[in-house]
C-alpha cells in the first residue's frame, strides 16, 4: 500500500492586512495558485482530503487548487493547529489521518511546511517559495507510522519553475 502526501505553501498573500490570520491572496497569488493547480492536475490524481490552516490565505489557496484539480470542497478540512505551528503539529495531523485515505494535501505556512518536508524526506529543500508544492510517497506504511525520513519525494514544483506553463 502506498500513501501520497502533497505539501503546499500558500500562495502570495497581502502584507498590508491585519490581523495576520485575515491576510488574503494578492492577485498574483491567485494566478500562481491557478497555474500550479492546472499544471499539477496530471500529477495529483484522486486526492481524498485537503487539510488547511484557518488562515484566509491557506483557505483561498486550497479553494483555487480544488477548482483547478476538480476536487469537491467537501474534502477540505480546516485545522487551527496548522496556523502558527511547528512541524510537530503537521506530523500529528498526518499521524491522525484515517487509513481509508490514500492521498492527502496539506496547505500550510513557512517555515513549518518546509521543515516538515525536509523532516519526512531527508531532502535539502530550503525555504519553499509561495505556492511551492512537494509530492511524496510512503511505501508500506500507515499514516500513523509516517515519520522522520520515511517519505520519498516524487516532485517539487513552484510557480517560477513552471514559468513557461500557460493557463
C-alpha atoms as a PDB file:
ATOM      1  CA  UNK A   1       0.000   0.000   0.000  1.00  0.00           C
ATOM      2  CA  UNK A   2       1.247   3.459  -0.936  1.00  0.00           C
ATOM      3  CA  UNK A   3       0.241   6.676   0.773  1.00  0.00           C
ATOM      4  CA  UNK A   4       0.758  10.000  -1.036  1.00  0.00           C
ATOM      5  CA  UNK A   5       1.173  13.377   0.650  1.00  0.00           C
ATOM      6  CA  UNK A   6       1.306  16.775  -1.041  1.00  0.00           C
ATOM      7  CA  UNK A   7       2.651  19.735   0.917  1.00  0.00           C
ATOM      8  CA  UNK A   8       1.671  23.174  -0.396  1.00  0.00           C
ATOM      9  CA  UNK A   9       2.885  26.508   0.882  1.00  0.00           C
ATOM     10  CA  UNK A  10       0.073  29.048   0.488  1.00  0.00           C
ATOM     11  CA  UNK A  11       0.267  31.418  -2.484  1.00  0.00           C
ATOM     12  CA  UNK A  12       1.436  35.042  -2.197  1.00  0.00           C
ATOM     13  CA  UNK A  13      -0.638  36.992   0.322  1.00  0.00           C
ATOM     14  CA  UNK A  14      -1.205  40.642   1.121  1.00  0.00           C
ATOM     15  CA  UNK A  15       1.227  42.149   3.584  1.00  0.00           C
ATOM     16  CA  UNK A  16      -0.952  45.164   4.351  1.00  0.00           C
ATOM     17  CA  UNK A  17      -3.884  43.427   6.047  1.00  0.00           C
ATOM     18  CA  UNK A  18      -4.096  42.950   9.789  1.00  0.00           C
ATOM     19  CA  UNK A  19      -4.502  40.735  11.706  1.00  0.00           C
ATOM     20  CA  UNK A  20      -2.245  38.151  10.073  1.00  0.00           C
ATOM     21  CA  UNK A  21      -4.950  35.471  10.137  1.00  0.00           C
ATOM     22  CA  UNK A  22      -7.080  37.515   7.709  1.00  0.00           C
ATOM     23  CA  UNK A  23      -4.426  38.199   5.057  1.00  0.00           C
ATOM     24  CA  UNK A  24      -5.942  37.266   1.641  1.00  0.00           C
ATOM     25  CA  UNK A  25      -4.119  36.238  -1.501  1.00  0.00           C
ATOM     26  CA  UNK A  26      -2.993  39.042  -3.799  1.00  0.00           C
ATOM     27  CA  UNK A  27      -3.979  38.819  -7.494  1.00  0.00           C
ATOM     28  CA  UNK A  28      -0.598  37.337  -8.454  1.00  0.00           C
ATOM     29  CA  UNK A  29      -1.045  34.743  -5.709  1.00  0.00           C
ATOM     30  CA  UNK A  30      -4.417  33.741  -7.156  1.00  0.00           C
ATOM     31  CA  UNK A  31      -2.839  33.437 -10.607  1.00  0.00           C
ATOM     32  CA  UNK A  32       0.081  31.361  -9.268  1.00  0.00           C
ATOM     33  CA  UNK A  33      -2.312  29.027  -7.435  1.00  0.00           C
ATOM     34  CA  UNK A  34      -4.419  28.572 -10.579  1.00  0.00           C
ATOM     35  CA  UNK A  35      -1.333  27.916 -12.727  1.00  0.00           C
ATOM     36  CA  UNK A  36       0.089  25.436 -10.210  1.00  0.00           C
ATOM     37  CA  UNK A  37      -3.218  23.619  -9.809  1.00  0.00           C
ATOM     38  CA  UNK A  38      -3.653  23.278 -13.551  1.00  0.00           C
ATOM     39  CA  UNK A  39      -0.012  22.237 -14.016  1.00  0.00           C
ATOM     40  CA  UNK A  40      -0.258  19.597 -11.291  1.00  0.00           C
ATOM     41  CA  UNK A  41      -3.600  18.135 -12.375  1.00  0.00           C
ATOM     42  CA  UNK A  42      -1.862  15.201 -14.083  1.00  0.00           C
ATOM     43  CA  UNK A  43       0.342  14.516 -11.030  1.00  0.00           C
ATOM     44  CA  UNK A  44      -2.368  14.790  -8.374  1.00  0.00           C
ATOM     45  CA  UNK A  45      -4.960  12.151  -9.094  1.00  0.00           C
ATOM     46  CA  UNK A  46      -7.634  11.220  -6.582  1.00  0.00           C
ATOM     47  CA  UNK A  47      -6.916  13.468  -3.616  1.00  0.00           C
ATOM     48  CA  UNK A  48      -9.049  12.180  -0.754  1.00  0.00           C
ATOM     49  CA  UNK A  49      -8.624  15.091   1.669  1.00  0.00           C
ATOM     50  CA  UNK A  50      -7.151  18.595   1.869  1.00  0.00           C
ATOM     51  CA  UNK A  51      -6.082  19.915   5.270  1.00  0.00           C
ATOM     52  CA  UNK A  52      -5.565  23.658   5.590  1.00  0.00           C
ATOM     53  CA  UNK A  53      -4.887  26.055   8.415  1.00  0.00           C
ATOM     54  CA  UNK A  54      -7.582  28.519   9.432  1.00  0.00           C
ATOM     55  CA  UNK A  55      -5.740  31.449   7.807  1.00  0.00           C
ATOM     56  CA  UNK A  56      -7.551  33.178   4.945  1.00  0.00           C
ATOM     57  CA  UNK A  57      -4.557  32.749   2.582  1.00  0.00           C
ATOM     58  CA  UNK A  58      -4.295  28.967   3.058  1.00  0.00           C
ATOM     59  CA  UNK A  59      -8.038  28.501   2.640  1.00  0.00           C
ATOM     60  CA  UNK A  60      -8.014  30.618  -0.533  1.00  0.00           C
ATOM     61  CA  UNK A  61      -5.080  28.599  -1.915  1.00  0.00           C
ATOM     62  CA  UNK A  62      -6.910  25.346  -1.137  1.00  0.00           C
ATOM     63  CA  UNK A  63     -10.052  26.680  -2.851  1.00  0.00           C
ATOM     64  CA  UNK A  64      -8.172  27.531  -6.053  1.00  0.00           C
ATOM     65  CA  UNK A  65      -6.494  24.108  -6.055  1.00  0.00           C
ATOM     66  CA  UNK A  66      -9.923  22.474  -5.635  1.00  0.00           C
ATOM     67  CA  UNK A  67     -11.223  24.382  -8.645  1.00  0.00           C
ATOM     68  CA  UNK A  68      -8.230  23.513 -10.831  1.00  0.00           C
ATOM     69  CA  UNK A  69      -7.990  19.872  -9.752  1.00  0.00           C
ATOM     70  CA  UNK A  70     -11.732  19.187  -9.808  1.00  0.00           C
ATOM     71  CA  UNK A  71     -11.868  18.387  -6.084  1.00  0.00           C
ATOM     72  CA  UNK A  72     -15.130  18.738  -4.153  1.00  0.00           C
ATOM     73  CA  UNK A  73     -14.951  21.490  -1.495  1.00  0.00           C
ATOM     74  CA  UNK A  74     -16.373  18.959   0.982  1.00  0.00           C
ATOM     75  CA  UNK A  75     -12.934  17.329   1.010  1.00  0.00           C
ATOM     76  CA  UNK A  76     -11.366  20.406   2.647  1.00  0.00           C
ATOM     77  CA  UNK A  77     -10.898  20.354   6.428  1.00  0.00           C
ATOM     78  CA  UNK A  78      -9.662  23.381   8.375  1.00  0.00           C
ATOM     79  CA  UNK A  79      -7.242  22.649  11.236  1.00  0.00           C
ATOM     80  CA  UNK A  80      -6.444  25.570  13.511  1.00  0.00           C
ATOM     81  CA  UNK A  81      -3.404  23.624  14.764  1.00  0.00           C
ATOM     82  CA  UNK A  82      -1.663  24.220  11.390  1.00  0.00           C
ATOM     83  CA  UNK A  83      -1.604  28.011  11.879  1.00  0.00           C
ATOM     84  CA  UNK A  84       1.466  29.438  13.620  1.00  0.00           C
ATOM     85  CA  UNK A  85       2.541  25.910  14.414  1.00  0.00           C
ATOM     86  CA  UNK A  86       5.572  23.680  14.233  1.00  0.00           C
ATOM     87  CA  UNK A  87       6.372  20.610  12.133  1.00  0.00           C
ATOM     88  CA  UNK A  88       5.229  18.607  15.173  1.00  0.00           C
ATOM     89  CA  UNK A  89       1.641  19.781  14.572  1.00  0.00           C
ATOM     90  CA  UNK A  90       1.861  18.818  10.898  1.00  0.00           C
ATOM     91  CA  UNK A  91       3.113  15.356  11.880  1.00  0.00           C
ATOM     92  CA  UNK A  92       0.286  14.983  14.411  1.00  0.00           C
ATOM     93  CA  UNK A  93      -2.197  15.831  11.651  1.00  0.00           C
ATOM     94  CA  UNK A  94      -0.679  13.219   9.316  1.00  0.00           C
ATOM     95  CA  UNK A  95      -0.367  10.544  12.007  1.00  0.00           C
ATOM     96  CA  UNK A  96      -4.031  11.067  12.869  1.00  0.00           C
ATOM     97  CA  UNK A  97      -5.335  10.530   9.327  1.00  0.00           C
ATOM     98  CA  UNK A  98      -7.821   7.766   8.651  1.00  0.00           C
ATOM     99  CA  UNK A  99      -6.342   4.714   6.937  1.00  0.00           C
ATOM    100  CA  UNK A 100      -9.033   4.766   4.266  1.00  0.00           C
ATOM    101  CA  UNK A 101      -7.345   7.909   2.848  1.00  0.00           C
ATOM    102  CA  UNK A 102      -4.598   7.233   0.317  1.00  0.00           C
ATOM    103  CA  UNK A 103      -3.822  10.726  -0.989  1.00  0.00           C
ATOM    104  CA  UNK A 104      -3.807  13.881   1.163  1.00  0.00           C
ATOM    105  CA  UNK A 105      -2.803  17.507   0.594  1.00  0.00           C
ATOM    106  CA  UNK A 106      -1.796  19.922   3.341  1.00  0.00           C
ATOM    107  CA  UNK A 107      -1.832  23.668   2.645  1.00  0.00           C
ATOM    108  CA  UNK A 108       0.242  25.459   5.241  1.00  0.00           C
ATOM    109  CA  UNK A 109       2.819  28.058   6.166  1.00  0.00           C
ATOM    110  CA  UNK A 110       6.550  28.579   6.157  1.00  0.00           C
ATOM    111  CA  UNK A 111       8.844  27.852   7.793  1.00  0.00           C
ATOM    112  CA  UNK A 112       6.984  24.865   9.266  1.00  0.00           C
ATOM    113  CA  UNK A 113       5.906  23.295   5.979  1.00  0.00           C
ATOM    114  CA  UNK A 114       9.444  23.434   4.559  1.00  0.00           C
ATOM    115  CA  UNK A 115      10.920  21.953   7.735  1.00  0.00           C
ATOM    116  CA  UNK A 116       8.244  19.265   7.707  1.00  0.00           C
ATOM    117  CA  UNK A 117       9.047  18.317   4.101  1.00  0.00           C
ATOM    118  CA  UNK A 118      12.755  18.015   4.959  1.00  0.00           C
ATOM    119  CA  UNK A 119      11.947  16.010   8.091  1.00  0.00           C
ATOM    120  CA  UNK A 120       9.840  13.495   6.147  1.00  0.00           C
ATOM    121  CA  UNK A 121      12.048  13.137   3.048  1.00  0.00           C
ATOM    122  CA  UNK A 122      15.532  13.979   4.332  1.00  0.00           C
ATOM    123  CA  UNK A 123      15.936  16.095   1.181  1.00  0.00           C
ATOM    124  CA  UNK A 124      17.511  19.556   1.199  1.00  0.00           C
ATOM    125  CA  UNK A 125      14.539  21.724   0.337  1.00  0.00           C
ATOM    126  CA  UNK A 126      15.352  25.059   1.905  1.00  0.00           C
ATOM    127  CA  UNK A 127      12.565  27.615   2.075  1.00  0.00           C
ATOM    128  CA  UNK A 128       9.643  26.630  -0.146  1.00  0.00           C
ATOM    129  CA  UNK A 129       8.512  29.570  -2.279  1.00  0.00           C
ATOM    130  CA  UNK A 130       4.925  30.749  -2.065  1.00  0.00           C
ATOM    131  CA  UNK A 131       2.679  28.240  -3.829  1.00  0.00           C
ATOM    132  CA  UNK A 132       5.503  25.691  -3.911  1.00  0.00           C
ATOM    133  CA  UNK A 133       4.320  22.067  -3.904  1.00  0.00           C
ATOM    134  CA  UNK A 134       6.145  18.918  -2.827  1.00  0.00           C
ATOM    135  CA  UNK A 135       4.749  15.480  -3.540  1.00  0.00           C
ATOM    136  CA  UNK A 136       5.953  12.421  -1.618  1.00  0.00           C
ATOM    137  CA  UNK A 137       5.021   8.800  -1.151  1.00  0.00           C
ATOM    138  CA  UNK A 138       5.219   6.409   1.772  1.00  0.00           C
ATOM    139  CA  UNK A 139       5.576   2.729   0.892  1.00  0.00           C
ATOM    140  CA  UNK A 140       4.067   0.060   3.118  1.00  0.00           C
ATOM    141  CA  UNK A 141       3.335   2.478   5.965  1.00  0.00           C
ATOM    142  CA  UNK A 142       0.154   3.523   7.681  1.00  0.00           C
ATOM    143  CA  UNK A 143      -0.375   7.235   8.278  1.00  0.00           C
ATOM    144  CA  UNK A 144       0.310   6.586  11.958  1.00  0.00           C
ATOM    145  CA  UNK A 145       3.751   5.157  11.043  1.00  0.00           C
ATOM    146  CA  UNK A 146       4.820   8.152   8.922  1.00  0.00           C
ATOM    147  CA  UNK A 147       7.817   9.844  10.497  1.00  0.00           C
ATOM    148  CA  UNK A 148      11.373  11.041  10.064  1.00  0.00           C
ATOM    149  CA  UNK A 149      12.948  10.073   6.707  1.00  0.00           C
ATOM    150  CA  UNK A 150      10.017   7.802   5.825  1.00  0.00           C
ATOM    151  CA  UNK A 151       8.908   9.673   2.683  1.00  0.00           C
ATOM    152  CA  UNK A 152      10.204   9.527  -0.868  1.00  0.00           C
ATOM    153  CA  UNK A 153       9.978  12.864  -2.706  1.00  0.00           C
ATOM    154  CA  UNK A 154       8.411  12.402  -6.138  1.00  0.00           C
ATOM    155  CA  UNK A 155       8.396  16.056  -7.243  1.00  0.00           C
ATOM    156  CA  UNK A 156       8.978  19.631  -6.136  1.00  0.00           C
ATOM    157  CA  UNK A 157       7.363  22.347  -8.251  1.00  0.00           C
ATOM    158  CA  UNK A 158       7.000  26.098  -7.872  1.00  0.00           C
ATOM    159  CA  UNK A 159       5.434  28.922  -9.897  1.00  0.00           C
ATOM    160  CA  UNK A 160       8.876  30.078 -11.087  1.00  0.00           C
ATOM    161  CA  UNK A 161       9.739  26.505 -12.089  1.00  0.00           C
ATOM    162  CA  UNK A 162       6.788  26.346 -14.463  1.00  0.00           C
ATOM    163  CA  UNK A 163       7.154  29.828 -15.956  1.00  0.00           C
ATOM    164  CA  UNK A 164       6.521  28.581 -19.497  1.00  0.00           C
ATOM    165  CA  UNK A 165       3.297  26.889 -18.441  1.00  0.00           C
ATOM    166  CA  UNK A 166       0.272  28.932 -19.562  1.00  0.00           C
ATOM    167  CA  UNK A 167      -3.307  28.767 -18.325  1.00  0.00           C
END
